Amino acid sequence: MNLRELKKEYLFFLENISTYLKRTKEILSKNYLDYSYKEIEVFIEVYVNNYKNPEKIDLSYKELSNILYAYLGTAFVNYQGGKWELNDIKTDEAYGTPTIVNWGGKDYPWSRISPKVWRVIIERDKTLGDYKTIKRIFQ
């Protein structure tokens, strides 16, 4: 996919974050999202139980991935700050996906984090870690 197409997908993602978060509430059967560590654990468990067959919850794999990016990314921004940006570094594992930048403060202007990399870890390990690990990531 060329950079123009990636930018188009990225803009679509940004425009639909609220829709993805609304769908997250439906998936979790919640009226509102609090982004607590427990809620994050539950969300990851739901993702693990559905990513191989997302049609069970009326989604495509791409839609479920975007929901994961939006939810975990928003949770991270709520805890750490930062802003969304398209990763356009071709040698990066997260190339072409939404990443969070400027969360490390003025001492770490180069810092960025990728929900795509989290997705890869979750699919490989069936978790992002235990409660303490999740808390450490988001604190």
C-alpha atoms as a PDB file:
ATOM      1  CA  MET A   1       0.000   0.000   0.000  1.00  0.00           C
ATOM      2  CA  ASN A   2       1.401   3.403  -0.883  1.00  0.00           C
ATOM      3  CA  LEU A   3       1.642   6.328   1.517  1.00  0.00           C
ATOM      4  CA  ARG A   4      -1.377   8.099   0.016  1.00  0.00           C
ATOM      5  CA  GLU A   5      -3.566   5.051   0.676  1.00  0.00           C
ATOM      6  CA  LEU A   6      -2.144   4.679   4.185  1.00  0.00           C
ATOM      7  CA  LYS A   7      -2.943   8.316   4.935  1.00  0.00           C
ATOM      8  CA  LYS A   8      -6.486   7.790   3.697  1.00  0.00           C
ATOM      9  CA  GLU A   9      -6.900   4.768   5.994  1.00  0.00           C
ATOM     10  CA  TYR A  10      -5.358   6.717   8.886  1.00  0.00           C
ATOM     11  CA  LEU A  11      -7.778   9.625   8.417  1.00  0.00           C
ATOM     12  CA  PHE A  12     -10.661   7.141   8.279  1.00  0.00           C
ATOM     13  CA  PHE A  13      -9.418   5.655  11.560  1.00  0.00           C
ATOM     14  CA  LEU A  14      -9.248   9.088  13.234  1.00  0.00           C
ATOM     15  CA  GLU A  15     -12.712  10.031  12.001  1.00  0.00           C
ATOM     16  CA  ASN A  16     -14.123   6.788  13.411  1.00  0.00           C
ATOM     17  CA  ILE A  17     -12.462   6.572  16.834  1.00  0.00           C
ATOM     18  CA  SER A  18     -15.716   7.516  18.556  1.00  0.00           C
ATOM     19  CA  THR A  19     -17.540   4.797  16.595  1.00  0.00           C
ATOM     20  CA  TYR A  20     -14.897   2.237  17.575  1.00  0.00           C
ATOM     21  CA  LEU A  21     -15.191   3.267  21.221  1.00  0.00           C
ATOM     22  CA  LYS A  22     -18.982   3.019  21.051  1.00  0.00           C
ATOM     23  CA  ARG A  23     -18.593  -0.494  19.674  1.00  0.00           C
ATOM     24  CA  THR A  24     -16.170  -1.261  22.513  1.00  0.00           C
ATOM     25  CA  LYS A  25     -18.887  -0.316  25.020  1.00  0.00           C
ATOM     26  CA  GLU A  26     -21.294  -2.655  23.255  1.00  0.00           C
ATOM     27  CA  ILE A  27     -18.766  -5.513  23.204  1.00  0.00           C
ATOM     28  CA  LEU A  28     -18.042  -5.034  26.919  1.00  0.00           C
ATOM     29  CA  SER A  29     -21.727  -4.435  27.761  1.00  0.00           C
ATOM     30  CA  LYS A  30     -20.908  -1.134  29.453  1.00  0.00           C
ATOM     31  CA  ASN A  31     -22.595   2.252  29.482  1.00  0.00           C
ATOM     32  CA  TYR A  32     -19.276   4.071  29.647  1.00  0.00           C
ATOM     33  CA  LEU A  33     -15.597   3.240  29.412  1.00  0.00           C
ATOM     34  CA  ASP A  34     -13.451   4.016  32.446  1.00  0.00           C
ATOM     35  CA  TYR A  35     -10.150   2.659  31.048  1.00  0.00           C
ATOM     36  CA  SER A  36      -9.372   1.031  34.383  1.00  0.00           C
ATOM     37  CA  TYR A  37      -6.703  -1.633  34.371  1.00  0.00           C
ATOM     38  CA  LYS A  38      -9.380  -4.250  35.029  1.00  0.00           C
ATOM     39  CA  GLU A  39     -11.421  -3.006  32.070  1.00  0.00           C
ATOM     40  CA  ILE A  40      -8.312  -3.150  29.876  1.00  0.00           C
ATOM     41  CA  GLU A  41      -7.716  -6.754  30.999  1.00  0.00           C
ATOM     42  CA  VAL A  42     -11.314  -7.665  30.181  1.00  0.00           C
ATOM     43  CA  PHE A  43     -11.087  -5.986  26.782  1.00  0.00           C
ATOM     44  CA  ILE A  44      -7.904  -7.916  25.959  1.00  0.00           C
ATOM     45  CA  GLU A  45      -9.578 -11.159  27.008  1.00  0.00           C
ATOM     46  CA  VAL A  46     -12.532 -10.417  24.728  1.00  0.00           C
ATOM     47  CA  TYR A  47     -10.134  -9.640  21.887  1.00  0.00           C
ATOM     48  CA  VAL A  48      -8.202 -12.895  22.440  1.00  0.00           C
ATOM     49  CA  ASN A  49     -11.447 -14.868  22.425  1.00  0.00           C
ATOM     50  CA  ASN A  50     -12.647 -13.305  19.164  1.00  0.00           C
ATOM     51  CA  TYR A  51      -9.812 -12.218  16.881  1.00  0.00           C
ATOM     52  CA  LYS A  52      -9.624 -15.565  15.056  1.00  0.00           C
ATOM     53  CA  ASN A  53     -13.380 -15.509  14.372  1.00  0.00           C
ATOM     54  CA  PRO A  54     -14.515 -11.887  14.704  1.00  0.00           C
ATOM     55  CA  GLU A  55     -17.689 -12.614  12.779  1.00  0.00           C
ATOM     56  CA  LYS A  56     -18.960 -14.145  16.069  1.00  0.00           C
ATOM     57  CA  ILE A  57     -19.367 -10.552  17.238  1.00  0.00           C
ATOM     58  CA  ASP A  58     -20.399  -9.209  13.814  1.00  0.00           C
ATOM     59  CA  LEU A  59     -17.015  -7.698  12.945  1.00  0.00           C
ATOM     60  CA  SER A  60     -14.250  -8.238  10.442  1.00  0.00           C
ATOM     61  CA  TYR A  61     -10.684  -8.752  11.614  1.00  0.00           C
ATOM     62  CA  LYS A  62      -9.785  -5.243  10.387  1.00  0.00           C
ATOM     63  CA  GLU A  63     -12.696  -3.710  12.302  1.00  0.00           C
ATOM     64  CA  LEU A  64     -11.759  -5.577  15.477  1.00  0.00           C
ATOM     65  CA  SER A  65      -8.133  -4.494  15.057  1.00  0.00           C
ATOM     66  CA  ASN A  66      -9.201  -0.865  14.673  1.00  0.00           C
ATOM     67  CA  ILE A  67     -11.356  -1.187  17.784  1.00  0.00           C
ATOM     68  CA  LEU A  68      -8.317  -2.501  19.657  1.00  0.00           C
ATOM     69  CA  TYR A  69      -6.147   0.360  18.351  1.00  0.00           C
ATOM     70  CA  ALA A  70      -8.763   2.946  19.316  1.00  0.00           C
ATOM     71  CA  TYR A  71      -9.510   1.527  22.759  1.00  0.00           C
ATOM     72  CA  LEU A  72      -5.962   0.757  23.925  1.00  0.00           C
ATOM     73  CA  GLY A  73      -4.633   3.932  22.307  1.00  0.00           C
ATOM     74  CA  THR A  74      -7.267   6.106  23.960  1.00  0.00           C
ATOM     75  CA  ALA A  75      -6.632   4.409  27.296  1.00  0.00           C
ATOM     76  CA  PHE A  76      -2.912   5.080  26.927  1.00  0.00           C
ATOM     77  CA  VAL A  77      -3.456   8.748  25.980  1.00  0.00           C
ATOM     78  CA  ASN A  78      -5.771   9.146  28.999  1.00  0.00           C
ATOM     79  CA  TYR A  79      -2.989   7.911  31.280  1.00  0.00           C
ATOM     80  CA  GLN A  80       0.116   9.263  29.557  1.00  0.00           C
ATOM     81  CA  GLY A  81      -0.928  11.997  27.161  1.00  0.00           C
ATOM     82  CA  GLY A  82       0.226  12.136  23.572  1.00  0.00           C
ATOM     83  CA  LYS A  83      -1.451  12.384  20.209  1.00  0.00           C
ATOM     84  CA  TRP A  84      -2.211  10.144  17.263  1.00  0.00           C
ATOM     85  CA  GLU A  85       0.068  10.120  14.248  1.00  0.00           C
ATOM     86  CA  LEU A  86       0.485   7.883  11.217  1.00  0.00           C
ATOM     87  CA  ASN A  87       3.697   5.872  11.416  1.00  0.00           C
ATOM     88  CA  ASP A  88       5.415   6.549   8.090  1.00  0.00           C
ATOM     89  CA  ILE A  89       8.781   4.998   8.952  1.00  0.00           C
ATOM     90  CA  LYS A  90       9.084   2.138   6.464  1.00  0.00           C
ATOM     91  CA  THR A  91      11.550   0.144   8.562  1.00  0.00           C
ATOM     92  CA  ASP A  92       9.299   0.204  11.642  1.00  0.00           C
ATOM     93  CA  GLU A  93       7.152  -2.804  12.556  1.00  0.00           C
ATOM     94  CA  ALA A  94       4.185  -0.455  12.957  1.00  0.00           C
ATOM     95  CA  TYR A  95       4.616   1.198   9.544  1.00  0.00           C
ATOM     96  CA  GLY A  96       1.336   2.427   8.136  1.00  0.00           C
ATOM     97  CA  THR A  97      -0.602   2.230  11.390  1.00  0.00           C
ATOM     98  CA  PRO A  98      -1.782   4.782  13.946  1.00  0.00           C
ATOM     99  CA  THR A  99       0.785   5.387  16.682  1.00  0.00           C
ATOM    100  CA  ILE A 100       0.873   7.643  19.713  1.00  0.00           C
ATOM    101  CA  VAL A 101       3.594  10.285  19.801  1.00  0.00           C
ATOM    102  CA  ASN A 102       4.667  13.053  22.176  1.00  0.00           C
ATOM    103  CA  TRP A 103       3.711  11.119  25.265  1.00  0.00           C
ATOM    104  CA  GLY A 104       7.170  10.985  26.787  1.00  0.00           C
ATOM    105  CA  GLY A 105       7.284  14.673  27.637  1.00  0.00           C
ATOM    106  CA  LYS A 106       9.864  17.203  26.561  1.00  0.00           C
ATOM    107  CA  ASP A 107      12.723  14.938  27.652  1.00  0.00           C
ATOM    108  CA  TYR A 108      11.613  12.232  25.204  1.00  0.00           C
ATOM    109  CA  PRO A 109      10.223  13.992  22.108  1.00  0.00           C
ATOM    110  CA  TRP A 110      11.071  10.939  19.969  1.00  0.00           C
ATOM    111  CA  SER A 111       8.906   8.581  22.027  1.00  0.00           C
ATOM    112  CA  ARG A 112       6.108   6.795  20.245  1.00  0.00           C
ATOM    113  CA  ILE A 113       4.079   3.723  21.020  1.00  0.00           C
ATOM    114  CA  SER A 114       2.082   1.469  18.761  1.00  0.00           C
ATOM    115  CA  PRO A 115      -1.209  -0.285  19.442  1.00  0.00           C
ATOM    116  CA  LYS A 116      -0.367  -2.479  16.423  1.00  0.00           C
ATOM    117  CA  VAL A 117       2.653  -3.856  18.261  1.00  0.00           C
ATOM    118  CA  TRP A 118       0.401  -4.492  21.269  1.00  0.00           C
ATOM    119  CA  ARG A 119      -1.975  -6.389  18.955  1.00  0.00           C
ATOM    120  CA  VAL A 120       0.875  -8.583  17.722  1.00  0.00           C
ATOM    121  CA  ILE A 121       1.923  -9.329  21.329  1.00  0.00           C
ATOM    122  CA  ILE A 122      -1.657 -10.074  22.375  1.00  0.00           C
ATOM    123  CA  GLU A 123      -2.196 -12.459  19.466  1.00  0.00           C
ATOM    124  CA  ARG A 124       1.114 -14.207  20.086  1.00  0.00           C
ATOM    125  CA  ASP A 125       0.970 -14.424  23.895  1.00  0.00           C
ATOM    126  CA  LYS A 126      -2.829 -14.314  24.375  1.00  0.00           C
ATOM    127  CA  THR A 127      -2.277 -11.410  26.787  1.00  0.00           C
ATOM    128  CA  LEU A 128      -0.518  -8.073  27.129  1.00  0.00           C
ATOM    129  CA  GLY A 129       0.620  -9.215  30.550  1.00  0.00           C
ATOM    130  CA  ASP A 130      -0.816  -9.542  33.991  1.00  0.00           C
ATOM    131  CA  TYR A 131      -2.444  -6.712  35.917  1.00  0.00           C
ATOM    132  CA  LYS A 132       0.934  -5.330  37.074  1.00  0.00           C
ATOM    133  CA  THR A 133       2.348  -5.352  33.535  1.00  0.00           C
ATOM    134  CA  ILE A 134      -0.697  -3.589  32.106  1.00  0.00           C
ATOM    135  CA  LYS A 135      -0.533  -1.024  34.891  1.00  0.00           C
ATOM    136  CA  ARG A 136       3.171  -0.444  34.199  1.00  0.00           C
ATOM    137  CA  ILE A 137       2.507   0.059  30.453  1.00  0.00           C
ATOM    138  CA  PHE A 138      -0.241   2.591  31.037  1.00  0.00           C
ATOM    139  CA  GLN A 139       1.250   4.448  34.021  1.00  0.00           C
END
